[in-house]
Amino acid sequence: MKRRICPTSREGEFPVTKRKCTVLVATYLMLTFMVLPRSAVAMHIMEGFLPFNWAGFWAMITLPFLVTGIWSIQKSVTRNPSLKMLLGLAGAFAFVLSALKLPSVTGSCSHPTGVGLGAILFGPAAMTVIGSIVLIFQAILLAHGGITTLGANTFSMAVVGPLAAYGVYKLTQKVRAPLWLSVFLASALGDLLTYVTTSLQLALAFPATSGGVMASFSKFMGVFAITQVPLAISEGLLTVLVFNVLSLYNRQELQELSVLPEEVKA
């Protein structure tokens, strides 16, 4: 009997069996919940940590991306209502991964973001809305992040992260990179760019006495990198596995979203 792989044995896809996909995803999530500490200083930038002027600044910059994202989601769902399930999956994926945290810097912490998958499927604008909803629920239900810092956290995780992930995915596909590699790089680099942005936000709000913003930025980046680099790699690998499962069971939807080419048959 032939062994079915996840999703197929076509060139450019990660050759993992369906059974291995399920086992690896379940094992990854279980081990992460067991290993990561239960308490941390905060998720994202915590409530009240940013000065009022900077909190308002990031909220104003994020607003246009939210409006564009709402329009993008309405357009996608109106054209194909069945995509609501994939939208929900993208939101759940981002919520679960970004709730896994490692203490990193006073006032913030390191964690996966989970926005790369949604950015690949629906584009960066839609993920701004989904990411902001995720952050609101985490702030209210889990006390991770905050309402006053929602604009800053949304900009880093739900604007910059998805833009970076989407850009990397499209660029690597344009140069005909293997599909699994495009997904991995998009997810991992989207995660890392989120923390570059967070480091810049903290550096702008709290410049060092000696060296100013750049010195503070370097310090934040140095501390974040210790935990964020391995987290980004792990997130990239997990996203590849989840994407392979979607390619197997939701191929038609991915073709309609132009994520997979129309001529590819299940």
Protein backbone atom coordinates (compact mmCIF):
# COMPACT_ATOMS: atom_id res chain seq x y z
CA MET A 1 0.00 0.00 0.00
CA LYS A 2 1.34 3.42 -0.93
CA ARG A 3 2.05 5.81 1.85
CA ARG A 4 0.18 9.11 1.64
CA ILE A 5 2.23 12.14 2.42
CA CYS A 6 1.22 15.53 3.67
CA PRO A 7 0.04 16.99 1.41
CA THR A 8 1.50 15.23 -1.65
CA SER A 9 4.88 14.22 -3.02
CA ARG A 10 4.93 17.08 -5.51
CA GLU A 11 8.22 18.91 -5.93
CA GLY A 12 8.69 21.86 -3.62
CA GLU A 13 6.58 20.62 -0.70
CA PHE A 14 7.76 19.33 2.64
CA PRO A 15 7.65 15.49 2.48
CA VAL A 16 6.03 14.64 5.79
CA THR A 17 3.40 11.92 6.17
CA LYS A 18 -0.08 12.87 7.36
CA ARG A 19 0.44 10.88 10.51
CA LYS A 20 3.73 12.63 11.21
CA CYS A 21 2.07 16.01 10.63
CA THR A 22 -0.50 15.33 13.33
CA VAL A 23 2.03 13.86 15.76
CA LEU A 24 4.57 16.65 15.27
CA VAL A 25 2.04 19.47 15.66
CA ALA A 26 0.51 17.91 18.77
CA THR A 27 3.95 17.18 20.27
CA TYR A 28 5.20 20.70 19.58
CA LEU A 29 2.23 22.37 21.24
CA MET A 30 2.25 19.98 24.21
CA LEU A 31 5.97 20.40 24.87
CA THR A 32 5.76 24.16 24.49
CA PHE A 33 3.00 24.43 27.08
CA MET A 34 5.02 22.18 29.42
CA VAL A 35 8.38 23.90 28.99
CA LEU A 36 7.49 27.58 28.81
CA PRO A 37 7.00 29.33 32.15
CA ARG A 38 3.48 30.01 33.34
CA SER A 39 4.21 33.56 34.43
CA ALA A 40 5.97 36.41 32.75
CA VAL A 41 6.32 40.14 33.18
CA ALA A 42 3.77 40.74 30.41
CA MET A 43 2.68 39.73 26.95
CA HIS A 44 3.70 42.22 24.25
CA ILE A 45 4.07 45.70 25.80
CA MET A 46 2.14 45.71 29.07
CA GLU A 47 -0.66 48.02 30.14
CA GLY A 48 0.51 51.52 31.04
CA PHE A 49 4.14 50.88 30.15
CA LEU A 50 4.32 53.33 27.23
CA PRO A 51 4.03 57.09 27.78
CA PHE A 52 0.65 58.48 26.69
CA ASN A 53 2.02 60.34 23.67
CA TRP A 54 3.70 57.24 22.23
CA ALA A 55 0.67 55.05 22.93
CA GLY A 56 -1.52 57.53 21.02
CA PHE A 57 1.01 57.84 18.20
CA TRP A 58 1.06 54.10 17.47
CA ALA A 59 -2.72 53.90 17.72
CA MET A 60 -3.13 56.64 15.09
CA ILE A 61 -0.65 54.98 12.72
CA THR A 62 -2.40 51.62 13.06
CA LEU A 63 -5.92 52.92 12.37
CA PRO A 64 -5.63 53.15 8.54
CA PHE A 65 -4.37 49.56 8.38
CA LEU A 66 -7.40 48.42 10.39
CA VAL A 67 -9.81 50.17 8.02
CA THR A 68 -8.08 48.60 5.01
CA GLY A 69 -8.14 45.20 6.69
CA ILE A 70 -11.88 45.34 7.39
CA TRP A 71 -12.52 46.15 3.74
CA SER A 72 -10.23 43.31 2.64
CA ILE A 73 -12.00 40.74 4.85
CA GLN A 74 -15.45 41.88 3.73
CA LYS A 75 -14.38 41.54 0.10
CA SER A 76 -12.98 38.01 0.61
CA VAL A 77 -15.95 36.74 2.61
CA THR A 78 -18.51 38.25 0.24
CA ARG A 79 -16.83 36.57 -2.70
CA ASN A 80 -16.56 33.22 -0.91
CA PRO A 81 -18.40 32.76 2.44
CA SER A 82 -16.70 29.38 2.98
CA LEU A 83 -13.46 31.24 3.73
CA LYS A 84 -14.82 32.16 7.18
CA MET A 85 -13.52 28.85 8.51
CA LEU A 86 -9.99 29.59 7.32
CA LEU A 87 -10.21 33.09 8.80
CA GLY A 88 -11.18 31.56 12.13
CA LEU A 89 -8.30 29.11 11.89
CA ALA A 90 -5.82 31.93 11.19
CA GLY A 91 -7.10 33.80 14.23
CA ALA A 92 -6.96 30.74 16.49
CA PHE A 93 -3.45 29.91 15.29
CA ALA A 94 -2.25 33.44 16.09
CA PHE A 95 -4.02 33.45 19.47
CA VAL A 96 -2.54 30.14 20.64
CA LEU A 97 1.02 30.83 19.48
CA SER A 98 1.18 34.41 20.75
CA ALA A 99 -0.07 33.22 24.15
CA LEU A 100 3.12 31.16 24.60
CA LYS A 101 5.68 33.40 26.22
CA LEU A 102 9.21 33.61 27.58
CA PRO A 103 10.30 36.41 29.94
CA SER A 104 12.66 38.70 28.05
CA VAL A 105 12.75 42.38 28.96
CA THR A 106 11.06 44.33 31.75
CA GLY A 107 7.76 45.51 30.29
CA SER A 108 7.64 42.90 27.56
CA CYS A 109 8.46 39.30 26.69
CA SER A 110 9.22 36.99 23.77
CA HIS A 111 6.67 34.73 22.10
CA PRO A 112 5.74 33.37 18.68
CA THR A 113 3.27 35.54 16.77
CA GLY A 114 1.43 33.12 14.47
CA VAL A 115 0.59 35.88 11.97
CA GLY A 116 2.63 34.44 9.10
CA LEU A 117 0.06 31.77 8.23
CA GLY A 118 -2.82 34.25 7.96
CA ALA A 119 -0.72 36.72 5.99
CA ILE A 120 0.10 34.02 3.43
CA LEU A 121 -3.56 32.98 3.15
CA PHE A 122 -5.39 36.33 3.25
CA GLY A 123 -2.75 39.02 2.88
CA PRO A 124 -1.34 41.46 5.44
CA ALA A 125 -4.38 43.76 5.64
CA ALA A 126 -6.72 41.03 6.87
CA MET A 127 -4.21 39.96 9.52
CA THR A 128 -4.19 43.47 10.96
CA VAL A 129 -7.83 43.02 11.93
CA ILE A 130 -7.40 39.43 13.10
CA GLY A 131 -4.26 40.33 15.05
CA SER A 132 -5.95 43.28 16.77
CA ILE A 133 -8.84 41.04 17.84
CA VAL A 134 -6.35 38.50 19.21
CA LEU A 135 -4.57 41.23 21.16
CA ILE A 136 -7.83 42.59 22.59
CA PHE A 137 -8.88 39.16 23.84
CA GLN A 138 -5.45 38.55 25.35
CA ALA A 139 -5.45 41.94 27.08
CA ILE A 140 -8.94 41.44 28.55
CA LEU A 141 -8.97 37.71 29.28
CA LEU A 142 -5.31 36.92 29.96
CA ALA A 143 -3.98 40.29 31.17
CA HIS A 144 -1.32 40.05 28.46
CA GLY A 145 -0.58 43.34 26.77
CA GLY A 146 -3.00 46.15 27.43
CA ILE A 147 -5.66 48.46 26.06
CA THR A 148 -3.52 51.60 26.24
CA THR A 149 -0.69 49.82 24.42
CA LEU A 150 -3.01 48.11 21.93
CA GLY A 151 -1.97 50.41 19.10
CA ALA A 152 1.73 49.73 19.58
CA ASN A 153 1.25 45.98 19.95
CA THR A 154 -1.05 45.84 16.91
CA PHE A 155 1.41 47.79 14.79
CA SER A 156 4.34 45.49 15.62
CA MET A 157 2.55 42.13 15.55
CA ALA A 158 -0.39 42.72 13.21
CA VAL A 159 0.96 45.32 10.77
CA VAL A 160 4.73 44.92 10.41
CA GLY A 161 4.77 41.15 11.02
CA PRO A 162 2.15 40.29 8.35
CA LEU A 163 3.64 42.77 5.86
CA ALA A 164 7.06 41.17 6.26
CA ALA A 165 5.67 37.63 6.06
CA TYR A 166 3.58 38.37 2.97
CA GLY A 167 6.44 40.16 1.22
CA VAL A 168 8.91 37.35 1.91
CA TYR A 169 6.42 34.70 0.74
CA LYS A 170 5.66 36.50 -2.53
CA LEU A 171 9.32 37.25 -3.20
CA THR A 172 10.51 33.69 -2.61
CA GLN A 173 7.69 32.29 -4.74
CA LYS A 174 8.58 34.73 -7.51
CA VAL A 175 12.11 33.30 -7.62
CA ARG A 176 10.58 29.77 -7.62
CA ALA A 177 11.75 28.72 -4.17
CA PRO A 178 10.23 25.48 -2.80
CA LEU A 179 6.81 26.07 -1.29
CA TRP A 180 7.82 24.78 2.15
CA LEU A 181 10.84 27.11 2.20
CA SER A 182 8.70 30.12 1.28
CA VAL A 183 6.28 29.36 4.12
CA PHE A 184 9.10 28.79 6.61
CA LEU A 185 10.97 32.00 5.75
CA ALA A 186 7.78 34.08 5.68
CA SER A 187 6.66 32.90 9.10
CA ALA A 188 10.10 33.09 10.76
CA LEU A 189 11.05 36.50 9.36
CA GLY A 190 7.58 37.91 10.07
CA ASP A 191 8.11 36.87 13.69
CA LEU A 192 11.57 38.45 13.86
CA LEU A 193 10.47 41.72 12.24
CA THR A 194 7.74 42.01 14.86
CA TYR A 195 10.40 42.11 17.56
CA VAL A 196 12.61 44.48 15.66
CA THR A 197 9.61 46.83 15.65
CA THR A 198 8.87 46.25 19.34
CA SER A 199 12.50 47.00 20.18
CA LEU A 200 12.29 50.24 18.20
CA GLN A 201 9.04 51.22 19.93
CA LEU A 202 10.60 50.70 23.36
CA ALA A 203 13.80 52.47 22.33
CA LEU A 204 11.89 55.52 21.07
CA ALA A 205 9.89 55.71 24.30
CA PHE A 206 12.88 55.06 26.57
CA PRO A 207 16.11 56.32 24.96
CA ALA A 208 19.32 55.56 26.83
CA THR A 209 20.96 58.35 28.79
CA SER A 210 24.18 57.66 26.91
CA GLY A 211 23.77 56.92 23.23
CA GLY A 212 20.08 57.80 22.93
CA VAL A 213 17.62 55.80 20.84
CA MET A 214 20.19 53.70 18.96
CA ALA A 215 21.92 52.55 22.14
CA SER A 216 18.59 51.62 23.69
CA PHE A 217 17.50 49.89 20.48
CA SER A 218 20.65 47.77 20.44
CA LYS A 219 20.14 46.71 24.04
CA PHE A 220 16.51 45.70 23.52
CA MET A 221 17.39 43.83 20.32
CA GLY A 222 20.25 41.99 22.03
CA VAL A 223 18.08 40.73 24.88
CA PHE A 224 15.14 39.82 22.63
CA ALA A 225 17.36 37.86 20.24
CA ILE A 226 18.31 35.31 22.92
CA THR A 227 14.77 33.93 23.02
CA GLN A 228 13.23 35.21 19.79
CA VAL A 229 15.56 33.58 17.25
CA PRO A 230 14.82 29.98 18.36
CA LEU A 231 11.13 30.85 18.73
CA ALA A 232 11.03 32.19 15.17
CA ILE A 233 12.63 29.02 13.81
CA SER A 234 10.15 26.87 15.74
CA GLU A 235 7.23 28.94 14.51
CA GLY A 236 8.45 28.60 10.93
CA LEU A 237 8.60 24.80 11.18
CA LEU A 238 5.16 24.56 12.78
CA THR A 239 3.64 26.84 10.15
CA VAL A 240 5.03 24.61 7.39
CA LEU A 241 3.32 21.59 8.96
CA VAL A 242 -0.01 23.38 9.35
CA PHE A 243 0.20 24.75 5.81
CA ASN A 244 0.81 21.24 4.47
CA VAL A 245 -2.30 19.98 6.25
CA LEU A 246 -4.34 22.85 4.79
CA SER A 247 -2.95 22.08 1.33
CA LEU A 248 -4.26 18.54 1.71
CA TYR A 249 -7.73 19.23 3.12
CA ASN A 250 -8.45 22.78 1.89
CA ARG A 251 -6.79 22.80 -1.51
CA GLN A 252 -9.76 24.36 -3.28
CA GLU A 253 -9.90 27.31 -0.87
CA LEU A 254 -6.14 27.87 -1.19
CA GLN A 255 -6.48 27.88 -4.99
CA GLU A 256 -9.28 30.44 -4.76
CA LEU A 257 -7.05 32.60 -2.58
CA SER A 258 -4.25 32.21 -5.19
CA VAL A 259 -2.00 30.64 -2.58
CA LEU A 260 -1.76 27.47 -4.67
CA PRO A 261 -1.86 27.53 -8.49
CA GLU A 262 -5.15 26.54 -10.12
CA GLU A 263 -3.57 23.87 -12.30
CA VAL A 264 -2.42 21.86 -9.27
CA LYS A 265 -4.84 19.01 -8.61
CA ALA A 266 -5.38 17.21 -5.33
